[in-house]
C-alpha cells in the first residue's frame, strides 16, 4: 500500500529529492475542510501583541461621539478608516490616581498594562499584560515574545517582568531578520528538515549542568538554594526553547521566508521611523505566520514622543508644550500632525497583519492587538480618557468594529479583556483603585 499523498511528499518528488528551503503558500491539505483548524484537529495559533504610540491625541478630535458599530469617524481616527472593520475603539478609560502622583509619560502606560497606578516613577513591580499572556501561550515557540522599537532605542520597551526585568526592544529590522530567519530558523514548509547540530551540543551541555544540581544543592545554604532554584527554573525555560528547535515544526500555509531588509540609520526623524516601523511590521507578520513567536510588542514612538520632522529640532513632545493652539482650529496644528502620522502607522500595522492569508481568514483574524498611549492630552499630561484600540478577531473571541465609551473606568479593563480573549481564566485584574472585574464585554464575541 502506498503512503498517503501529502503536499510535502509531492514537492520532494517534483523536485527529484532536492532540498526546498522556501515557504510553500496555501497548504490547504494541512487544514480541515473549513480552513479554521489544522487537519490534526488542533487550533490555528492565537497571538497577542501591543502597539504603542507616545503623546496621545486631542480628545475632542479623537474620541467618537456615537457608540456601537455605527460610530462616526473623527478627524484623528480618519487615518484608520480603511481598517475600521478590524478595529474597536475604547474611549474614556483613565489611570485612576486616587491621590497617587501622575508620573508623566509613565503612569498611563503602567496602569493600562499592569493595572497599577505606580507610586514611584519607573518602579512598577508588576508584570505587564503581555508577559502574563506570554507565560500562558509563549512556551510553544522559539521566542517567548519579540519586542521592537521603530525609534532605534532598546530602552523604548514597555514590556517587563518587574521593575528590574525589562524586555529590551530590537531596534533594527535587519537585526530582527537575522534573529528570526537566520541560523536556528526551521522553515515549517521545507521539504527536508534536520535539527541544527549546534543546538544538539547546547542541549547536551545543559543536561550536564542539570545533572549536577543535586550535588551543588548539598553544599549550599537556604538562600543560595533558592537562588539556584530560580536559576534552574530559567534554565528549564531555555531548555524548552531548545527542545522546540529540535522538533520538526508543523507546516504552516502562511509562512514564507522574506528577503533581508536594508539597514536603516538610527534616527528619530519621522520618515525614518515610519519606514523602520513598516519593515518591522512585515517581518513580524512573517515571524507570526511561521510560528516563531505568539507574543509581540511594537513601539512606534516612545512615551515622550521624540519624533521630529526633517531639519527641525522641535520634537512631537516639545510641540505639545510649546506650540500655541491655533485660535481658529482650537488645537496645536504641528503637534497634531504627529497624531495623524501615528494613526496612519497603526493602519499600516493592521493592514500588514490582515494581508497574510491564514486558514479561511487572515493572520489578523487570529490576533489580538492592544494599541494604547500614555496620555490623552499631552499638553497637560492628562491620564484621563486614555486612547485605546483593539484590533483583530482573536480566533473568533473578539468583536471588531465597535466603539465603547467607558468614562470614569480604569484603563486596566482593556488588559482584563485581552486576557480573557486569549483564553486565560482571569476574573480580576489590577490593584487598589484600578482593580476591575469588568471586561469590556461589548468587544467580546
Protein backbone atom coordinates (compact mmCIF):
# COMPACT_ATOMS: atom_id res chain seq x y z
CA UNK A 1 0.00 0.00 0.00
CA UNK A 2 1.37 3.40 -0.91
CA UNK A 3 1.79 6.01 1.79
CA UNK A 4 -0.68 8.92 1.88
CA UNK A 5 -0.09 11.72 -0.55
CA UNK A 6 0.88 14.97 1.07
CA UNK A 7 1.93 18.35 -0.27
CA UNK A 8 5.33 17.84 1.37
CA UNK A 9 5.85 14.49 -0.36
CA UNK A 10 4.72 15.92 -3.70
CA UNK A 11 7.32 18.66 -3.53
CA UNK A 12 10.06 16.16 -2.78
CA UNK A 13 9.08 14.08 -5.71
CA UNK A 14 8.55 17.02 -8.04
CA UNK A 15 12.00 18.35 -7.28
CA UNK A 16 13.74 14.97 -7.51
CA UNK A 17 14.65 14.98 -3.86
CA UNK A 18 16.26 18.41 -3.89
CA UNK A 19 16.01 20.35 -0.63
CA UNK A 20 13.34 23.02 -0.60
CA UNK A 21 14.14 25.91 1.73
CA UNK A 22 11.45 28.41 0.76
CA UNK A 23 7.95 28.65 2.11
CA UNK A 24 5.12 26.95 0.23
CA UNK A 25 1.91 29.00 0.09
CA UNK A 26 -1.64 27.79 0.61
CA UNK A 27 -1.11 24.37 2.13
CA UNK A 28 -4.84 23.68 2.45
CA UNK A 29 -4.11 19.97 2.71
CA UNK A 30 -2.88 20.56 6.24
CA UNK A 31 -6.13 22.27 7.31
CA UNK A 32 -9.56 20.89 7.99
CA UNK A 33 -12.35 21.25 5.45
CA UNK A 34 -13.45 24.59 6.90
CA UNK A 35 -9.95 26.10 6.98
CA UNK A 36 -10.37 27.12 10.62
CA UNK A 37 -8.19 24.44 12.25
CA UNK A 38 -5.30 22.13 11.49
CA UNK A 39 -6.11 18.79 9.90
CA UNK A 40 -4.96 17.17 13.15
CA UNK A 41 -7.81 18.94 14.91
CA UNK A 42 -5.58 21.40 16.70
CA UNK A 43 -6.47 25.10 16.56
CA UNK A 44 -4.60 27.63 14.47
CA UNK A 45 -2.18 29.61 16.65
CA UNK A 46 -3.62 32.54 18.60
CA UNK A 47 -1.37 35.60 19.03
CA UNK A 48 -1.30 38.67 21.23
CA UNK A 49 0.59 41.93 20.92
CA UNK A 50 0.72 45.55 21.98
CA UNK A 51 1.23 48.59 19.80
CA UNK A 52 2.27 51.87 21.43
CA UNK A 53 2.49 55.48 20.37
CA UNK A 54 3.55 58.43 22.52
CA UNK A 55 1.94 61.74 23.45
CA UNK A 56 -1.67 60.72 22.96
CA UNK A 57 -4.15 62.78 20.94
CA UNK A 58 -6.69 65.61 21.18
CA UNK A 59 -9.70 64.03 22.95
CA UNK A 60 -12.28 66.25 21.26
CA UNK A 61 -10.91 65.23 17.83
CA UNK A 62 -10.12 61.56 18.59
CA UNK A 63 -13.00 60.27 20.74
CA UNK A 64 -16.03 59.17 18.70
CA UNK A 65 -19.34 60.68 19.79
CA UNK A 66 -21.51 57.68 18.94
CA UNK A 67 -21.18 54.15 20.32
CA UNK A 68 -21.72 50.71 18.85
CA UNK A 69 -20.86 49.54 15.34
CA UNK A 70 -22.11 52.65 13.55
CA UNK A 71 -19.85 55.14 15.30
CA UNK A 72 -18.98 58.23 13.29
CA UNK A 73 -15.36 58.65 12.23
CA UNK A 74 -13.48 61.51 13.92
CA UNK A 75 -10.73 63.70 12.45
CA UNK A 76 -7.87 62.00 14.31
CA UNK A 77 -9.17 58.48 13.69
CA UNK A 78 -9.73 59.17 9.99
CA UNK A 79 -6.37 57.59 9.03
CA UNK A 80 -7.59 54.19 10.28
CA UNK A 81 -10.80 54.38 8.22
CA UNK A 82 -9.57 51.74 5.73
CA UNK A 83 -9.24 49.21 8.58
CA UNK A 84 -12.10 50.28 10.87
CA UNK A 85 -13.83 46.93 10.31
CA UNK A 86 -10.85 45.31 12.07
CA UNK A 87 -10.58 47.79 14.96
CA UNK A 88 -12.62 48.50 18.07
CA UNK A 89 -12.17 51.82 19.88
CA UNK A 90 -12.39 52.17 23.66
CA UNK A 91 -12.60 55.75 24.86
CA UNK A 92 -12.93 57.38 28.27
CA UNK A 93 -10.95 54.96 30.43
CA UNK A 94 -8.33 56.53 32.68
CA UNK A 95 -5.48 55.85 35.04
CA UNK A 96 -7.32 56.24 38.35
CA UNK A 97 -4.94 58.05 40.69
CA UNK A 98 -6.85 58.29 44.00
CA UNK A 99 -4.19 60.54 45.46
CA UNK A 100 -1.21 58.97 43.70
CA UNK A 101 1.15 61.21 41.74
CA UNK A 102 0.79 61.24 37.98
CA UNK A 103 4.29 60.26 36.90
CA UNK A 104 4.12 61.86 33.50
CA UNK A 105 4.59 59.70 30.40
CA UNK A 106 4.67 56.61 32.67
CA UNK A 107 1.59 56.31 34.86
CA UNK A 108 -0.79 55.90 31.92
CA UNK A 109 1.27 53.06 30.43
CA UNK A 110 1.62 51.07 33.62
CA UNK A 111 -1.99 51.49 34.66
CA UNK A 112 -3.14 50.06 31.34
CA UNK A 113 -0.59 47.25 31.18
CA UNK A 114 -0.23 46.25 34.86
CA UNK A 115 -3.42 47.56 36.45
CA UNK A 116 -1.49 49.64 38.95
CA UNK A 117 -1.02 53.40 39.20
CA UNK A 118 2.68 53.48 40.12
CA UNK A 119 3.73 55.05 43.39
CA UNK A 120 7.20 55.83 42.01
CA UNK A 121 8.40 56.60 38.51
CA UNK A 122 9.86 53.60 36.68
CA UNK A 123 9.37 51.31 39.68
CA UNK A 124 6.16 49.42 38.99
CA UNK A 125 6.84 45.93 40.39
CA UNK A 126 4.13 44.10 38.47
CA UNK A 127 4.43 42.25 35.15
CA UNK A 128 2.86 43.81 32.08
CA UNK A 129 -0.08 42.04 30.47
CA UNK A 130 2.00 40.79 27.54
CA UNK A 131 4.28 38.92 29.95
CA UNK A 132 1.29 37.32 31.65
CA UNK A 133 -0.06 36.23 28.28
CA UNK A 134 3.38 35.02 27.16
CA UNK A 135 3.52 32.83 30.27
CA UNK A 136 0.20 31.38 29.10
CA UNK A 137 0.89 30.83 25.37
CA UNK A 138 4.53 31.71 24.70
CA UNK A 139 6.29 28.47 25.64
CA UNK A 140 5.44 26.67 22.41
CA UNK A 141 7.63 28.85 20.17
CA UNK A 142 11.31 29.71 19.71
CA UNK A 143 10.77 33.21 21.03
CA UNK A 144 8.53 33.69 24.01
CA UNK A 145 7.97 37.22 22.76
CA UNK A 146 9.50 39.72 20.36
CA UNK A 147 9.90 43.40 21.21
CA UNK A 148 10.57 46.04 18.54
CA UNK A 149 11.08 49.80 18.60
CA UNK A 150 10.93 51.85 15.42
CA UNK A 151 12.76 54.56 17.40
CA UNK A 152 16.00 52.52 17.25
CA UNK A 153 16.42 52.66 21.04
CA UNK A 154 16.40 49.36 23.01
CA UNK A 155 15.14 51.12 26.16
CA UNK A 156 11.94 52.02 24.32
CA UNK A 157 10.09 48.99 25.60
CA UNK A 158 7.10 48.77 27.93
CA UNK A 159 7.27 45.03 28.46
CA UNK A 160 8.54 43.93 31.86
CA UNK A 161 8.55 41.03 34.29
CA UNK A 162 9.06 43.53 37.09
CA UNK A 163 10.71 46.90 37.63
CA UNK A 164 14.21 45.49 37.11
CA UNK A 165 13.50 42.98 34.34
CA UNK A 166 12.66 44.93 31.20
CA UNK A 167 12.40 43.12 27.86
CA UNK A 168 14.57 45.35 25.64
CA UNK A 169 13.44 46.14 22.13
CA UNK A 170 15.03 45.03 18.89
CA UNK A 171 15.97 48.28 17.17
CA UNK A 172 16.97 47.19 13.67
CA UNK A 173 14.71 45.43 11.15
CA UNK A 174 17.81 43.82 9.67
CA UNK A 175 18.87 42.50 13.09
CA UNK A 176 15.35 41.14 13.64
CA UNK A 177 15.51 39.42 10.26
CA UNK A 178 18.76 37.64 11.14
CA UNK A 179 17.49 36.82 14.63
CA UNK A 180 14.27 35.22 13.37
CA UNK A 181 15.15 33.89 9.92
CA UNK A 182 18.90 33.35 10.31
CA UNK A 183 20.64 30.37 11.96
CA UNK A 184 18.21 28.45 14.12
CA UNK A 185 15.17 29.12 11.92
CA UNK A 186 13.36 25.92 10.96
CA UNK A 187 11.18 26.51 7.91
CA UNK A 188 7.94 24.64 8.66
CA UNK A 189 7.36 24.17 4.92
CA UNK A 190 10.82 22.88 3.99
CA UNK A 191 10.86 19.51 2.22
CA UNK A 192 13.88 18.28 4.19
CA UNK A 193 14.38 19.11 7.84
CA UNK A 194 17.06 18.29 10.37
CA UNK A 195 17.83 19.88 13.74
CA UNK A 196 20.76 22.26 13.94
CA UNK A 197 23.74 20.23 15.28
CA UNK A 198 24.82 23.24 17.32
CA UNK A 199 21.53 23.00 19.20
CA UNK A 200 22.27 19.35 19.97
CA UNK A 201 25.59 20.34 21.51
CA UNK A 202 23.96 23.07 23.57
CA UNK A 203 21.30 20.70 24.84
CA UNK A 204 23.96 18.20 25.87
CA UNK A 205 25.83 20.89 27.81
CA UNK A 206 22.67 21.96 29.59
CA UNK A 207 21.95 18.37 30.55
CA UNK A 208 25.31 18.15 32.28
CA UNK A 209 24.58 21.30 34.26
CA UNK A 210 21.17 19.96 35.20
CA UNK A 211 22.64 16.64 36.37
CA UNK A 212 24.93 18.49 38.77
CA UNK A 213 22.06 20.19 40.56
CA UNK A 214 21.64 17.84 43.50
CA UNK A 215 25.35 17.77 44.26
CA UNK A 216 25.52 21.55 44.24
CA UNK A 217 22.46 21.90 46.46
CA UNK A 218 24.06 19.76 49.17
CA UNK A 219 26.77 22.39 49.68
CA UNK A 220 24.52 25.45 49.72
CA UNK A 221 22.57 27.32 52.33
CA UNK A 222 18.85 28.10 52.11
CA UNK A 223 19.24 31.45 50.36
CA UNK A 224 21.63 30.07 47.76
CA UNK A 225 19.40 27.06 47.18
CA UNK A 226 16.54 29.45 46.48
CA UNK A 227 18.71 31.34 44.02
CA UNK A 228 19.75 28.08 42.40
CA UNK A 229 16.12 27.02 42.12
CA UNK A 230 15.30 30.30 40.37
CA UNK A 231 18.26 29.74 38.05
CA UNK A 232 17.14 26.24 37.12
CA UNK A 233 13.61 27.49 36.51
CA UNK A 234 15.04 29.90 33.96
CA UNK A 235 17.25 27.13 32.61
CA UNK A 236 14.25 24.89 32.08
CA UNK A 237 12.58 27.65 30.08
CA UNK A 238 15.70 27.82 27.90
CA UNK A 239 15.73 24.05 27.50
CA UNK A 240 12.12 24.22 26.36
CA UNK A 241 13.11 26.69 23.66
CA UNK A 242 15.92 24.34 22.56
CA UNK A 243 13.56 21.36 22.51
CA UNK A 244 11.32 23.29 20.14
CA UNK A 245 14.25 23.77 17.78
CA UNK A 246 14.91 20.01 17.86
CA UNK A 247 11.32 19.18 16.90
CA UNK A 248 10.14 19.19 13.32
CA UNK A 249 7.66 22.07 13.09
CA UNK A 250 4.22 21.51 11.57
CA UNK A 251 3.65 23.04 8.13
CA UNK A 252 2.04 26.49 8.11
CA UNK A 253 0.32 27.76 4.99
CA UNK A 254 1.08 31.44 5.62
CA UNK A 255 4.79 31.01 6.33
CA UNK A 256 7.32 32.27 3.80
CA UNK A 257 10.88 33.46 4.30
CA UNK A 258 11.32 37.13 3.34
CA UNK A 259 14.31 38.79 1.74
CA UNK A 260 16.59 40.63 4.15
CA UNK A 261 15.61 44.31 4.53
CA UNK A 262 18.03 47.17 4.03
CA UNK A 263 19.73 48.54 7.13
CA UNK A 264 18.33 51.92 8.21
CA UNK A 265 20.15 54.67 10.04
CA UNK A 266 19.28 55.13 13.70
CA UNK A 267 17.24 58.30 13.59
CA UNK A 268 14.13 59.78 15.21
CA UNK A 269 13.30 61.70 12.04
CA UNK A 270 9.69 60.77 11.48
CA UNK A 271 10.16 59.46 7.93
CA UNK A 272 12.88 57.09 9.09
CA UNK A 273 10.71 55.87 11.98
CA UNK A 274 7.76 55.28 9.65
CA UNK A 275 9.93 53.19 7.30
CA UNK A 276 11.51 51.24 10.16
CA UNK A 277 8.05 50.51 11.53
CA UNK A 278 6.86 49.33 8.11
CA UNK A 279 9.75 46.88 7.83
CA UNK A 280 9.27 45.66 11.40
CA UNK A 281 5.58 45.05 10.69
CA UNK A 282 6.32 42.94 7.60
CA UNK A 283 8.96 40.87 9.40
CA UNK A 284 6.77 40.41 12.45
CA UNK A 285 3.84 39.25 10.32
CA UNK A 286 6.01 36.52 8.78
CA UNK A 287 7.52 35.59 12.15
CA UNK A 288 3.97 35.11 13.46
CA UNK A 289 2.89 33.21 10.35
CA UNK A 290 5.89 30.90 10.75
CA UNK A 291 5.03 30.44 14.46
CA UNK A 292 8.36 31.74 15.68
CA UNK A 293 6.55 33.72 18.38
CA UNK A 294 2.96 34.28 19.51
CA UNK A 295 3.50 37.41 21.60
CA UNK A 296 4.92 40.76 20.47
CA UNK A 297 5.30 44.39 21.47
CA UNK A 298 5.69 47.14 18.87
CA UNK A 299 6.72 50.68 19.86
CA UNK A 300 6.08 53.21 17.11
CA UNK A 301 7.14 56.25 19.17
CA UNK A 302 8.48 56.48 22.70
CA UNK A 303 6.46 57.58 25.72
CA UNK A 304 7.52 61.24 25.47
CA UNK A 305 7.46 61.14 21.71
CA UNK A 306 10.84 62.30 20.39
CA UNK A 307 9.89 62.15 16.72
CA UNK A 308 10.77 65.20 14.67
CA UNK A 309 10.42 66.37 11.11
CA UNK A 310 13.44 66.69 8.78
CA UNK A 311 15.58 69.71 9.63
CA UNK A 312 13.58 70.56 12.74
CA UNK A 313 14.77 70.47 16.34
CA UNK A 314 11.18 70.54 17.62
CA UNK A 315 10.04 67.09 18.67
CA UNK A 316 6.46 65.94 18.93
CA UNK A 317 6.83 66.21 22.72
CA UNK A 318 8.18 69.75 22.77
CA UNK A 319 5.49 70.86 20.36
CA UNK A 320 2.77 69.59 22.70
CA UNK A 321 4.09 72.02 25.34
CA UNK A 322 5.47 74.96 23.35
CA UNK A 323 3.28 75.28 20.28
CA UNK A 324 0.39 77.71 20.63
CA UNK A 325 -3.10 76.43 19.93
CA UNK A 326 -4.39 77.73 16.63
CA UNK A 327 -7.13 80.24 17.58
CA UNK A 328 -9.36 79.15 14.71
CA UNK A 329 -8.71 75.40 14.84
CA UNK A 330 -8.58 75.14 18.62
CA UNK A 331 -5.66 72.72 18.71
CA UNK A 332 -1.89 72.59 18.14
CA UNK A 333 -1.60 72.08 14.41
CA UNK A 334 2.01 70.83 14.15
CA UNK A 335 1.78 68.56 17.17
CA UNK A 336 -1.46 67.10 15.85
CA UNK A 337 0.25 66.13 12.60
CA UNK A 338 2.22 63.58 14.61
CA UNK A 339 -1.02 62.13 15.97
CA UNK A 340 -2.23 61.63 12.40
CA UNK A 341 1.09 60.06 11.43
CA UNK A 342 0.78 57.69 14.40
CA UNK A 343 -2.73 56.65 13.38
CA UNK A 344 -1.55 56.15 9.79
CA UNK A 345 1.21 53.88 11.12
CA UNK A 346 -1.30 51.85 13.10
CA UNK A 347 -3.37 51.46 9.95
CA UNK A 348 -0.26 50.13 8.18
CA UNK A 349 0.36 47.69 11.02
CA UNK A 350 -3.19 46.35 10.91
CA UNK A 351 -3.16 46.14 7.11
CA UNK A 352 0.10 44.19 7.20
CA UNK A 353 -1.29 41.53 9.54
CA UNK A 354 -4.52 41.41 7.53
CA UNK A 355 -2.62 40.90 4.27
CA UNK A 356 -1.29 37.47 5.28
CA UNK A 357 -3.76 34.68 4.40
CA UNK A 358 -4.15 32.05 7.11
CA UNK A 359 -6.70 29.28 7.03
CA UNK A 360 -10.09 30.55 5.94
CA UNK A 361 -9.17 34.08 7.01
CA UNK A 362 -6.05 36.11 7.71
CA UNK A 363 -3.29 36.32 10.26
CA UNK A 364 -5.05 39.30 11.85
CA UNK A 365 -8.13 37.15 12.44
CA UNK A 366 -6.02 35.05 14.80
CA UNK A 367 -4.51 38.04 16.62
CA UNK A 368 -5.46 40.32 19.49
CA UNK A 369 -3.65 43.68 19.29
CA UNK A 370 -3.89 46.21 22.12
CA UNK A 371 -2.95 49.73 20.93
CA UNK A 372 -2.52 52.41 23.57
CA UNK A 373 -0.76 55.64 24.56
CA UNK A 374 0.44 57.04 27.88
CA UNK A 375 -1.65 60.21 27.85
CA UNK A 376 -4.71 61.73 26.29
CA UNK A 377 -3.96 65.46 26.05
CA UNK A 378 -0.16 65.51 26.19
CA UNK A 379 -0.11 69.28 26.70
CA UNK A 380 -1.46 68.76 30.23
CA UNK A 381 -0.03 65.25 30.71
CA UNK A 382 -3.59 64.08 31.25
CA UNK A 383 -4.23 60.41 32.04
CA UNK A 384 -7.99 60.93 31.91
CA UNK A 385 -9.65 59.47 28.81
CA UNK A 386 -6.70 57.43 27.55
CA UNK A 387 -6.97 56.30 23.90
CA UNK A 388 -7.21 52.53 23.42
CA UNK A 389 -7.86 50.39 20.34
CA UNK A 390 -8.20 46.65 19.90
CA UNK A 391 -7.52 45.04 16.53
CA UNK A 392 -8.14 41.52 15.26
CA UNK A 393 -10.71 38.82 15.97
CA UNK A 394 -8.73 36.70 18.41
CA UNK A 395 -9.71 33.50 16.65
CA UNK A 396 -13.37 34.47 16.91
CA UNK A 397 -13.24 35.69 20.51
CA UNK A 398 -13.19 39.41 19.72
CA UNK A 399 -15.82 41.55 18.03
CA UNK A 400 -14.09 44.26 15.95
CA UNK A 401 -15.54 47.49 14.58
CA UNK A 402 -17.17 48.65 17.85
CA UNK A 403 -16.83 51.89 19.80
CA UNK A 404 -17.27 51.62 23.57
CA UNK A 405 -17.31 54.66 25.83
CA UNK A 406 -16.18 53.79 29.37
CA UNK A 407 -15.84 57.21 31.02
CA UNK A 408 -14.59 57.01 34.59
CA UNK A 409 -13.42 53.40 34.37
CA UNK A 410 -9.84 52.25 34.70
CA UNK A 411 -7.86 51.51 31.55
CA UNK A 412 -6.99 48.21 33.24
CA UNK A 413 -10.32 46.94 31.87
CA UNK A 414 -8.64 46.66 28.46
CA UNK A 415 -5.97 44.32 29.80
CA UNK A 416 -8.53 42.17 31.60
CA UNK A 417 -10.44 41.96 28.33
CA UNK A 418 -7.49 40.80 26.24
CA UNK A 419 -6.50 38.18 28.80
CA UNK A 420 -9.97 36.70 28.66
CA UNK A 421 -9.94 36.89 24.86
CA UNK A 422 -6.69 34.89 24.93
CA UNK A 423 -8.37 32.13 26.90
CA UNK A 424 -6.92 32.93 30.32
CA UNK A 425 -9.11 32.18 33.31
CA UNK A 426 -8.73 35.60 34.87
CA UNK A 427 -11.67 37.13 36.70
CA UNK A 428 -9.97 40.23 38.12
CA UNK A 429 -7.03 42.41 37.13
CA UNK A 430 -5.24 45.35 38.71
CA UNK A 431 -4.66 46.71 42.19
CA UNK A 432 -6.34 49.20 44.53
CA UNK A 433 -8.49 51.74 42.69
CA UNK A 434 -7.58 50.26 39.31
CA UNK A 435 -8.64 46.71 40.18
CA UNK A 436 -11.50 45.57 37.97
CA UNK A 437 -13.63 42.50 37.38
CA UNK A 438 -15.34 44.09 34.36
CA UNK A 439 -14.00 43.23 30.93
CA UNK A 440 -15.20 45.36 28.03
CA UNK A 441 -17.92 42.85 27.22
CA UNK A 442 -19.10 44.78 24.16
CA UNK A 443 -15.97 43.71 22.26
CA UNK A 444 -16.00 40.08 23.40
CA UNK A 445 -17.71 37.74 20.95
